[in-house]
Amino acid sequence: MGIGGSIFLIALGAIFAFAVEADLGWLNLSVVGWVLMLAGVAALLTTLYFWNSRRRTVVATPVREDRVVADRVVPVQDDRIVQEYREVRRPGRTV
């Protein structure tokens, strides 16, 4: 049930409790009206509680993992291990 259904129960209960003057003998419409109003208020509070808890957002910071790679990665080409050779030359220096 939502907010609309809860308000409908409250309004219907108020009509039965305060506006209807019928005497059914075995059924007291005033009591039925109060029960409907209490059920409507309970449903309204429950709906608002769940709406409020659903809108709550949690912001979590990502966990940063500092990993140190101890093993060098050796590239493999055609089932042969290929070693890398890098030469760094600085401009302006000749060897």
PDB file of N, CA and C in Angstrom:
ATOM      1  N   MET A   1       0.849  -1.152   0.000  1.00  0.00           N
ATOM      2  CA  MET A   1       0.000   0.000   0.000  1.00  0.00           C
ATOM      3  C   MET A   1       0.905   1.229   0.000  1.00  0.00           C
ATOM      4  N   GLY A   2       0.487   2.247  -0.645  1.00  0.00           N
ATOM      5  CA  GLY A   2       1.283   3.460  -0.708  1.00  0.00           C
ATOM      6  C   GLY A   2       0.646   4.587   0.079  1.00  0.00           C
ATOM      7  N   ILE A   3       1.091   5.789  -0.243  1.00  0.00           N
ATOM      8  CA  ILE A   3       0.577   6.965   0.450  1.00  0.00           C
ATOM      9  C   ILE A   3      -0.894   7.202   0.101  1.00  0.00           C
ATOM     10  N   GLY A   4      -1.238   6.974  -1.155  1.00  0.00           N
ATOM     11  CA  GLY A   4      -2.630   7.180  -1.582  1.00  0.00           C
ATOM     12  C   GLY A   4      -3.595   6.236  -0.888  1.00  0.00           C
ATOM     13  N   GLY A   5      -3.228   4.971  -0.784  1.00  0.00           N
ATOM     14  CA  GLY A   5      -4.086   4.008  -0.099  1.00  0.00           C
ATOM     15  C   GLY A   5      -4.214   4.317   1.382  1.00  0.00           C
ATOM     16  N   SER A   6      -3.142   4.782   1.986  1.00  0.00           N
ATOM     17  CA  SER A   6      -3.187   5.137   3.406  1.00  0.00           C
ATOM     18  C   SER A   6      -4.109   6.333   3.645  1.00  0.00           C
ATOM     19  N   ILE A   7      -4.005   7.335   2.796  1.00  0.00           N
ATOM     20  CA  ILE A   7      -4.875   8.505   2.939  1.00  0.00           C
ATOM     21  C   ILE A   7      -6.332   8.127   2.694  1.00  0.00           C
ATOM     22  N   PHE A   8      -6.564   7.211   1.752  1.00  0.00           N
ATOM     23  CA  PHE A   8      -7.927   6.739   1.500  1.00  0.00           C
ATOM     24  C   PHE A   8      -8.497   6.040   2.740  1.00  0.00           C
ATOM     25  N   LEU A   9      -7.700   5.187   3.398  1.00  0.00           N
ATOM     26  CA  LEU A   9      -8.179   4.522   4.612  1.00  0.00           C
ATOM     27  C   LEU A   9      -8.473   5.534   5.727  1.00  0.00           C
ATOM     28  N   ILE A  10      -7.623   6.533   5.854  1.00  0.00           N
ATOM     29  CA  ILE A  10      -7.848   7.555   6.884  1.00  0.00           C
ATOM     30  C   ILE A  10      -9.134   8.328   6.598  1.00  0.00           C
ATOM     31  N   ALA A  11      -9.340   8.694   5.339  1.00  0.00           N
ATOM     32  CA  ALA A  11     -10.543   9.448   4.975  1.00  0.00           C
ATOM     33  C   ALA A  11     -11.802   8.587   5.146  1.00  0.00           C
ATOM     34  N   LEU A  12     -11.759   7.334   4.730  1.00  0.00           N
ATOM     35  CA  LEU A  12     -12.919   6.448   4.867  1.00  0.00           C
ATOM     36  C   LEU A  12     -13.227   6.206   6.348  1.00  0.00           C
ATOM     37  N   GLY A  13     -12.189   6.040   7.142  1.00  0.00           N
ATOM     38  CA  GLY A  13     -12.406   5.862   8.575  1.00  0.00           C
ATOM     39  C   GLY A  13     -12.995   7.098   9.220  1.00  0.00           C
ATOM     40  N   ALA A  14     -12.547   8.277   8.797  1.00  0.00           N
ATOM     41  CA  ALA A  14     -13.107   9.510   9.343  1.00  0.00           C
ATOM     42  C   ALA A  14     -14.585   9.665   8.958  1.00  0.00           C
ATOM     43  N   ILE A  15     -14.911   9.258   7.753  1.00  0.00           N
ATOM     44  CA  ILE A  15     -16.324   9.329   7.334  1.00  0.00           C
ATOM     45  C   ILE A  15     -17.172   8.400   8.188  1.00  0.00           C
ATOM     46  N   PHE A  16     -16.692   7.151   8.385  1.00  0.00           N
ATOM     47  CA  PHE A  16     -17.450   6.203   9.205  1.00  0.00           C
ATOM     48  C   PHE A  16     -17.529   6.652  10.667  1.00  0.00           C
ATOM     49  N   ALA A  17     -16.445   7.230  11.197  1.00  0.00           N
ATOM     50  CA  ALA A  17     -16.425   7.589  12.614  1.00  0.00           C
ATOM     51  C   ALA A  17     -17.228   8.846  12.913  1.00  0.00           C
ATOM     52  N   PHE A  18     -17.195   9.830  12.019  1.00  0.00           N
ATOM     53  CA  PHE A  18     -17.792  11.124  12.363  1.00  0.00           C
ATOM     54  C   PHE A  18     -19.032  11.502  11.552  1.00  0.00           C
ATOM     55  N   ALA A  19     -19.236  10.930  10.377  1.00  0.00           N
ATOM     56  CA  ALA A  19     -20.314  11.421   9.516  1.00  0.00           C
ATOM     57  C   ALA A  19     -21.494  10.458   9.394  1.00  0.00           C
ATOM     58  N   VAL A  20     -21.292   9.190   9.600  1.00  0.00           N
ATOM     59  CA  VAL A  20     -22.377   8.223   9.406  1.00  0.00           C
ATOM     60  C   VAL A  20     -23.087   8.009  10.741  1.00  0.00           C
ATOM     61  N   GLU A  21     -24.402   8.114  10.713  1.00  0.00           N
ATOM     62  CA  GLU A  21     -25.224   7.946  11.919  1.00  0.00           C
ATOM     63  C   GLU A  21     -26.125   6.725  11.790  1.00  0.00           C
ATOM     64  N   ALA A  22     -25.657   5.662  11.158  1.00  0.00           N
ATOM     65  CA  ALA A  22     -26.479   4.465  10.986  1.00  0.00           C
ATOM     66  C   ALA A  22     -26.320   3.553  12.195  1.00  0.00           C
ATOM     67  N   ASP A  23     -27.413   2.814  12.510  1.00  0.00           N
ATOM     68  CA  ASP A  23     -27.380   1.867  13.620  1.00  0.00           C
ATOM     69  C   ASP A  23     -27.614   0.480  13.040  1.00  0.00           C
ATOM     70  N   LEU A  24     -26.577  -0.332  13.047  1.00  0.00           N
ATOM     71  CA  LEU A  24     -26.696  -1.675  12.502  1.00  0.00           C
ATOM     72  C   LEU A  24     -26.941  -2.721  13.581  1.00  0.00           C
ATOM     73  N   GLY A  25     -26.886  -2.362  14.810  1.00  0.00           N
ATOM     74  CA  GLY A  25     -27.156  -3.294  15.898  1.00  0.00           C
ATOM     75  C   GLY A  25     -25.921  -4.077  16.303  1.00  0.00           C
ATOM     76  N   TRP A  26     -25.445  -4.904  15.441  1.00  0.00           N
ATOM     77  CA  TRP A  26     -24.311  -5.762  15.768  1.00  0.00           C
ATOM     78  C   TRP A  26     -22.978  -5.155  15.356  1.00  0.00           C
ATOM     79  N   LEU A  27     -22.999  -4.058  14.588  1.00  0.00           N
ATOM     80  CA  LEU A  27     -21.767  -3.432  14.089  1.00  0.00           C
ATOM     81  C   LEU A  27     -21.785  -1.947  14.424  1.00  0.00           C
ATOM     82  N   ASN A  28     -20.798  -1.513  15.161  1.00  0.00           N
ATOM     83  CA  ASN A  28     -20.676  -0.109  15.509  1.00  0.00           C
ATOM     84  C   ASN A  28     -19.775   0.559  14.470  1.00  0.00           C
ATOM     85  N   LEU A  29     -20.349   1.412  13.619  1.00  0.00           N
ATOM     86  CA  LEU A  29     -19.590   2.041  12.536  1.00  0.00           C
ATOM     87  C   LEU A  29     -18.571   3.046  13.058  1.00  0.00           C
ATOM     88  N   SER A  30     -18.780   3.559  14.230  1.00  0.00           N
ATOM     89  CA  SER A  30     -17.798   4.467  14.804  1.00  0.00           C
ATOM     90  C   SER A  30     -16.500   3.717  15.123  1.00  0.00           C
ATOM     91  N   VAL A  31     -16.620   2.513  15.653  1.00  0.00           N
ATOM     92  CA  VAL A  31     -15.436   1.706  15.949  1.00  0.00           C
ATOM     93  C   VAL A  31     -14.740   1.284  14.659  1.00  0.00           C
ATOM     94  N   VAL A  32     -15.517   0.926  13.654  1.00  0.00           N
ATOM     95  CA  VAL A  32     -14.943   0.561  12.351  1.00  0.00           C
ATOM     96  C   VAL A  32     -14.187   1.746  11.774  1.00  0.00           C
ATOM     97  N   GLY A  33     -14.718   2.934  11.901  1.00  0.00           N
ATOM     98  CA  GLY A  33     -14.050   4.136  11.409  1.00  0.00           C
ATOM     99  C   GLY A  33     -12.726   4.384  12.118  1.00  0.00           C
ATOM    100  N   TRP A  34     -12.719   4.235  13.436  1.00  0.00           N
ATOM    101  CA  TRP A  34     -11.470   4.431  14.180  1.00  0.00           C
ATOM    102  C   TRP A  34     -10.436   3.373  13.824  1.00  0.00           C
ATOM    103  N   VAL A  35     -10.871   2.142  13.628  1.00  0.00           N
ATOM    104  CA  VAL A  35      -9.934   1.080  13.231  1.00  0.00           C
ATOM    105  C   VAL A  35      -9.354   1.366  11.846  1.00  0.00           C
ATOM    106  N   LEU A  36     -10.193   1.826  10.916  1.00  0.00           N
ATOM    107  CA  LEU A  36      -9.696   2.165   9.579  1.00  0.00           C
ATOM    108  C   LEU A  36      -8.720   3.344   9.634  1.00  0.00           C
ATOM    109  N   MET A  37      -9.012   4.332  10.463  1.00  0.00           N
ATOM    110  CA  MET A  37      -8.090   5.470  10.583  1.00  0.00           C
ATOM    111  C   MET A  37      -6.753   5.034  11.180  1.00  0.00           C
ATOM    112  N   LEU A  38      -6.767   4.182  12.192  1.00  0.00           N
ATOM    113  CA  LEU A  38      -5.514   3.700  12.778  1.00  0.00           C
ATOM    114  C   LEU A  38      -4.724   2.846  11.789  1.00  0.00           C
ATOM    115  N   ALA A  39      -5.432   2.026  11.009  1.00  0.00           N
ATOM    116  CA  ALA A  39      -4.742   1.220   9.990  1.00  0.00           C
ATOM    117  C   ALA A  39      -4.129   2.120   8.921  1.00  0.00           C
ATOM    118  N   GLY A  40      -4.828   3.180   8.537  1.00  0.00           N
ATOM    119  CA  GLY A  40      -4.296   4.118   7.559  1.00  0.00           C
ATOM    120  C   GLY A  40      -3.070   4.855   8.064  1.00  0.00           C
ATOM    121  N   VAL A  41      -3.091   5.272   9.331  1.00  0.00           N
ATOM    122  CA  VAL A  41      -1.938   5.969   9.907  1.00  0.00           C
ATOM    123  C   VAL A  41      -0.749   5.016  10.010  1.00  0.00           C
ATOM    124  N   ALA A  42      -1.002   3.766  10.426  1.00  0.00           N
ATOM    125  CA  ALA A  42       0.092   2.786  10.523  1.00  0.00           C
ATOM    126  C   ALA A  42       0.690   2.500   9.148  1.00  0.00           C
ATOM    127  N   ALA A  43      -0.158   2.360   8.147  1.00  0.00           N
ATOM    128  CA  ALA A  43       0.341   2.111   6.788  1.00  0.00           C
ATOM    129  C   ALA A  43       1.111   3.317   6.254  1.00  0.00           C
ATOM    130  N   LEU A  44       0.645   4.522   6.575  1.00  0.00           N
ATOM    131  CA  LEU A  44       1.338   5.737   6.132  1.00  0.00           C
ATOM    132  C   LEU A  44       2.715   5.844   6.775  1.00  0.00           C
ATOM    133  N   LEU A  45       2.803   5.578   8.078  1.00  0.00           N
ATOM    134  CA  LEU A  45       4.099   5.635   8.754  1.00  0.00           C
ATOM    135  C   LEU A  45       5.059   4.571   8.232  1.00  0.00           C
ATOM    136  N   THR A  46       4.540   3.374   7.966  1.00  0.00           N
ATOM    137  CA  THR A  46       5.382   2.307   7.419  1.00  0.00           C
ATOM    138  C   THR A  46       5.889   2.664   6.031  1.00  0.00           C
ATOM    139  N   THR A  47       5.022   3.217   5.208  1.00  0.00           N
ATOM    140  CA  THR A  47       5.425   3.616   3.861  1.00  0.00           C
ATOM    141  C   THR A  47       6.486   4.710   3.905  1.00  0.00           C
ATOM    142  N   LEU A  48       6.287   5.700   4.753  1.00  0.00           N
ATOM    143  CA  LEU A  48       7.272   6.788   4.852  1.00  0.00           C
ATOM    144  C   LEU A  48       8.597   6.287   5.404  1.00  0.00           C
ATOM    145  N   TYR A  49       8.568   5.338   6.330  1.00  0.00           N
ATOM    146  CA  TYR A  49       9.812   4.783   6.869  1.00  0.00           C
ATOM    147  C   TYR A  49      10.602   4.069   5.775  1.00  0.00           C
ATOM    148  N   PHE A  50       9.917   3.246   4.973  1.00  0.00           N
ATOM    149  CA  PHE A  50      10.632   2.525   3.924  1.00  0.00           C
ATOM    150  C   PHE A  50      11.101   3.445   2.809  1.00  0.00           C
ATOM    151  N   TRP A  51      10.346   4.495   2.509  1.00  0.00           N
ATOM    152  CA  TRP A  51      10.793   5.458   1.506  1.00  0.00           C
ATOM    153  C   TRP A  51      12.023   6.199   1.989  1.00  0.00           C
ATOM    154  N   ASN A  52      12.047   6.551   3.269  1.00  0.00           N
ATOM    155  CA  ASN A  52      13.179   7.280   3.812  1.00  0.00           C
ATOM    156  C   ASN A  52      14.431   6.408   3.840  1.00  0.00           C
ATOM    157  N   SER A  53      14.301   5.152   4.198  1.00  0.00           N
ATOM    158  CA  SER A  53      15.474   4.278   4.241  1.00  0.00           C
ATOM    159  C   SER A  53      15.959   3.925   2.845  1.00  0.00           C
ATOM    160  N   ARG A  54      15.082   3.926   1.853  1.00  0.00           N
ATOM    161  CA  ARG A  54      15.493   3.614   0.493  1.00  0.00           C
ATOM    162  C   ARG A  54      16.257   4.766  -0.144  1.00  0.00           C
ATOM    163  N   ARG A  55      15.958   5.981   0.250  1.00  0.00           N
ATOM    164  CA  ARG A  55      16.620   7.137  -0.354  1.00  0.00           C
ATOM    165  C   ARG A  55      17.972   7.448   0.267  1.00  0.00           C
ATOM    166  N   ARG A  56      18.320   6.792   1.331  1.00  0.00           N
ATOM    167  CA  ARG A  56      19.597   7.033   1.981  1.00  0.00           C
ATOM    168  C   ARG A  56      20.706   6.464   1.103  1.00  0.00           C
ATOM    169  N   THR A  57      21.706   7.271   0.811  1.00  0.00           N
ATOM    170  CA  THR A  57      22.804   6.821  -0.034  1.00  0.00           C
ATOM    171  C   THR A  57      24.063   6.672   0.808  1.00  0.00           C
ATOM    172  N   VAL A  58      24.856   5.729   0.409  1.00  0.00           N
ATOM    173  CA  VAL A  58      26.112   5.468   1.090  1.00  0.00           C
ATOM    174  C   VAL A  58      27.226   5.735   0.094  1.00  0.00           C
ATOM    175  N   VAL A  59      28.140   6.604   0.477  1.00  0.00           N
ATOM    176  CA  VAL A  59      29.269   6.918  -0.382  1.00  0.00           C
ATOM    177  C   VAL A  59      30.490   6.227   0.205  1.00  0.00           C
ATOM    178  N   ALA A  60      31.042   5.335  -0.566  1.00  0.00           N
ATOM    179  CA  ALA A  60      32.206   4.586  -0.105  1.00  0.00           C
ATOM    180  C   ALA A  60      33.411   4.986  -0.944  1.00  0.00           C
ATOM    181  N   THR A  61      34.511   5.178  -0.273  1.00  0.00           N
ATOM    182  CA  THR A  61      35.727   5.497  -1.008  1.00  0.00           C
ATOM    183  C   THR A  61      36.350   4.200  -1.507  1.00  0.00           C
ATOM    184  N   PRO A  62      36.876   4.222  -2.713  1.00  0.00           N
ATOM    185  CA  PRO A  62      37.473   2.988  -3.236  1.00  0.00           C
ATOM    186  C   PRO A  62      38.730   2.613  -2.450  1.00  0.00           C
ATOM    187  N   VAL A  63      38.917   1.340  -2.313  1.00  0.00           N
ATOM    188  CA  VAL A  63      40.083   0.846  -1.594  1.00  0.00           C
ATOM    189  C   VAL A  63      41.264   0.873  -2.538  1.00  0.00           C
ATOM    190  N   ARG A  64      42.319   1.539  -2.092  1.00  0.00           N
ATOM    191  CA  ARG A  64      43.509   1.653  -2.930  1.00  0.00           C
ATOM    192  C   ARG A  64      44.505   0.605  -2.484  1.00  0.00           C
ATOM    193  N   GLU A  65      44.892  -0.226  -3.398  1.00  0.00           N
ATOM    194  CA  GLU A  65      45.845  -1.276  -3.084  1.00  0.00           C
ATOM    195  C   GLU A  65      47.207  -0.898  -3.645  1.00  0.00           C
ATOM    196  N   ASP A  66      48.180  -0.854  -2.773  1.00  0.00           N
ATOM    197  CA  ASP A  66      49.553  -0.617  -3.212  1.00  0.00           C
ATOM    198  C   ASP A  66      50.214  -1.975  -3.386  1.00  0.00           C
ATOM    199  N   ARG A  67      50.457  -2.309  -4.628  1.00  0.00           N
ATOM    200  CA  ARG A  67      51.062  -3.602  -4.902  1.00  0.00           C
ATOM    201  C   ARG A  67      52.473  -3.394  -5.433  1.00  0.00           C
ATOM    202  N   VAL A  68      53.349  -4.202  -4.963  1.00  0.00           N
ATOM    203  CA  VAL A  68      54.729  -4.170  -5.430  1.00  0.00           C
ATOM    204  C   VAL A  68      54.962  -5.452  -6.204  1.00  0.00           C
ATOM    205  N   VAL A  69      55.405  -5.302  -7.449  1.00  0.00           N
ATOM    206  CA  VAL A  69      55.663  -6.467  -8.279  1.00  0.00           C
ATOM    207  C   VAL A  69      57.116  -6.860  -8.088  1.00  0.00           C
ATOM    208  N   ALA A  70      57.316  -8.044  -7.554  1.00  0.00           N
ATOM    209  CA  ALA A  70      58.674  -8.502  -7.278  1.00  0.00           C
ATOM    210  C   ALA A  70      59.278  -9.224  -8.477  1.00  0.00           C
ATOM    211  N   ASP A  71      58.468  -9.925  -9.228  1.00  0.00           N
ATOM    212  CA  ASP A  71      58.971 -10.690 -10.370  1.00  0.00           C
ATOM    213  C   ASP A  71      58.872  -9.843 -11.634  1.00  0.00           C
ATOM    214  N   ARG A  72      59.934  -9.867 -12.431  1.00  0.00           N
ATOM    215  CA  ARG A  72      59.879  -9.180 -13.719  1.00  0.00           C
ATOM    216  C   ARG A  72      59.114 -10.031 -14.704  1.00  0.00           C
ATOM    217  N   VAL A  73      58.376  -9.381 -15.513  1.00  0.00           N
ATOM    218  CA  VAL A  73      57.627 -10.091 -16.533  1.00  0.00           C
ATOM    219  C   VAL A  73      58.541 -10.296 -17.731  1.00  0.00           C
ATOM    220  N   VAL A  74      58.677 -11.534 -18.126  1.00  0.00           N
ATOM    221  CA  VAL A  74      59.534 -11.860 -19.268  1.00  0.00           C
ATOM    222  C   VAL A  74      58.626 -12.201 -20.436  1.00  0.00           C
ATOM    223  N   PRO A  75      58.696 -11.430 -21.523  1.00  0.00           N
ATOM    224  CA  PRO A  75      57.825 -11.727 -22.661  1.00  0.00           C
ATOM    225  C   PRO A  75      58.251 -13.014 -23.371  1.00  0.00           C
ATOM    226  N   VAL A  76      57.249 -13.727 -23.864  1.00  0.00           N
ATOM    227  CA  VAL A  76      57.486 -14.987 -24.568  1.00  0.00           C
ATOM    228  C   VAL A  76      56.945 -14.844 -25.988  1.00  0.00           C
ATOM    229  N   GLN A  77      57.808 -15.176 -26.993  1.00  0.00           N
ATOM    230  CA  GLN A  77      57.386 -15.147 -28.381  1.00  0.00           C
ATOM    231  C   GLN A  77      57.743 -16.483 -29.014  1.00  0.00           C
ATOM    232  N   ASP A  78      56.783 -17.144 -29.543  1.00  0.00           N
ATOM    233  CA  ASP A  78      56.981 -18.431 -30.220  1.00  0.00           C
ATOM    234  C   ASP A  78      57.746 -19.408 -29.344  1.00  0.00           C
ATOM    235  N   ASP A  79      57.329 -19.551 -28.097  1.00  0.00           N
ATOM    236  CA  ASP A  79      57.937 -20.456 -27.116  1.00  0.00           C
ATOM    237  C   ASP A  79      59.398 -20.139 -26.831  1.00  0.00           C
ATOM    238  N   ARG A  80      59.851 -18.926 -27.116  1.00  0.00           N
ATOM    239  CA  ARG A  80      61.207 -18.498 -26.770  1.00  0.00           C
ATOM    240  C   ARG A  80      61.104 -17.338 -25.814  1.00  0.00           C
ATOM    241  N   ILE A  81      61.971 -17.310 -24.852  1.00  0.00           N
ATOM    242  CA  ILE A  81      62.003 -16.194 -23.914  1.00  0.00           C
ATOM    243  C   ILE A  81      62.812 -15.073 -24.544  1.00  0.00           C
ATOM    244  N   VAL A  82      62.205 -13.917 -24.600  1.00  0.00           N
ATOM    245  CA  VAL A  82      62.841 -12.765 -25.205  1.00  0.00           C
ATOM    246  C   VAL A  82      63.195 -11.791 -24.085  1.00  0.00           C
ATOM    247  N   GLN A  83      64.453 -11.404 -24.021  1.00  0.00           N
ATOM    248  CA  GLN A  83      64.853 -10.437 -23.018  1.00  0.00           C
ATOM    249  C   GLN A  83      64.809  -9.048 -23.619  1.00  0.00           C
ATOM    250  N   GLU A  84      64.382  -8.141 -22.810  1.00  0.00           N
ATOM    251  CA  GLU A  84      64.287  -6.771 -23.277  1.00  0.00           C
ATOM    252  C   GLU A  84      65.622  -6.066 -23.092  1.00  0.00           C
ATOM    253  N   TYR A  85      65.940  -5.264 -24.054  1.00  0.00           N
ATOM    254  CA  TYR A  85      67.145  -4.448 -23.977  1.00  0.00           C
ATOM    255  C   TYR A  85      66.724  -3.030 -24.307  1.00  0.00           C
ATOM    256  N   ARG A  86      66.916  -2.156 -23.349  1.00  0.00           N
ATOM    257  CA  ARG A  86      66.551  -0.767 -23.571  1.00  0.00           C
ATOM    258  C   ARG A  86      67.775   0.095 -23.378  1.00  0.00           C
ATOM    259  N   GLU A  87      67.947   0.996 -24.303  1.00  0.00           N
ATOM    260  CA  GLU A  87      69.063   1.930 -24.213  1.00  0.00           C
ATOM    261  C   GLU A  87      68.487   3.318 -24.161  1.00  0.00           C
ATOM    262  N   VAL A  88      68.890   4.034 -23.150  1.00  0.00           N
ATOM    263  CA  VAL A  88      68.408   5.379 -22.960  1.00  0.00           C
ATOM    264  C   VAL A  88      69.533   6.340 -23.288  1.00  0.00           C
ATOM    265  N   ARG A  89      69.312   7.191 -24.260  1.00  0.00           N
ATOM    266  CA  ARG A  89      70.316   8.199 -24.635  1.00  0.00           C
ATOM    267  C   ARG A  89      69.783   9.571 -24.313  1.00  0.00           C
ATOM    268  N   ARG A  90      70.628  10.348 -23.712  1.00  0.00           N
ATOM    269  CA  ARG A  90      70.260  11.706 -23.385  1.00  0.00           C
ATOM    270  C   ARG A  90      70.761  12.614 -24.511  1.00  0.00           C
ATOM    271  N   PRO A  91      69.960  13.590 -24.858  1.00  0.00           N
ATOM    272  CA  PRO A  91      70.391  14.471 -25.951  1.00  0.00           C
ATOM    273  C   PRO A  91      71.610  15.300 -25.535  1.00  0.00           C
ATOM    274  N   GLY A  92      72.524  15.445 -26.487  1.00  0.00           N
ATOM    275  CA  GLY A  92      73.697  16.274 -26.263  1.00  0.00           C
ATOM    276  C   GLY A  92      74.897  15.498 -25.763  1.00  0.00           C
ATOM    277  N   ARG A  93      74.750  14.245 -25.455  1.00  0.00           N
ATOM    278  CA  ARG A  93      75.891  13.463 -24.985  1.00  0.00           C
ATOM    279  C   ARG A  93      76.205  12.402 -26.025  1.00  0.00           C
ATOM    280  N   THR A  94      77.436  12.269 -26.385  1.00  0.00           N
ATOM    281  CA  THR A  94      77.848  11.242 -27.321  1.00  0.00           C
ATOM    282  C   THR A  94      78.812  10.297 -26.631  1.00  0.00           C
ATOM    283  N   VAL A  95      78.713   9.079 -26.965  1.00  0.00           N
ATOM    284  CA  VAL A  95      79.583   8.093 -26.336  1.00  0.00           C
ATOM    285  C   VAL A  95      80.578   7.566 -27.338  1.00  0.00           C
TER     286      VAL A  95
END
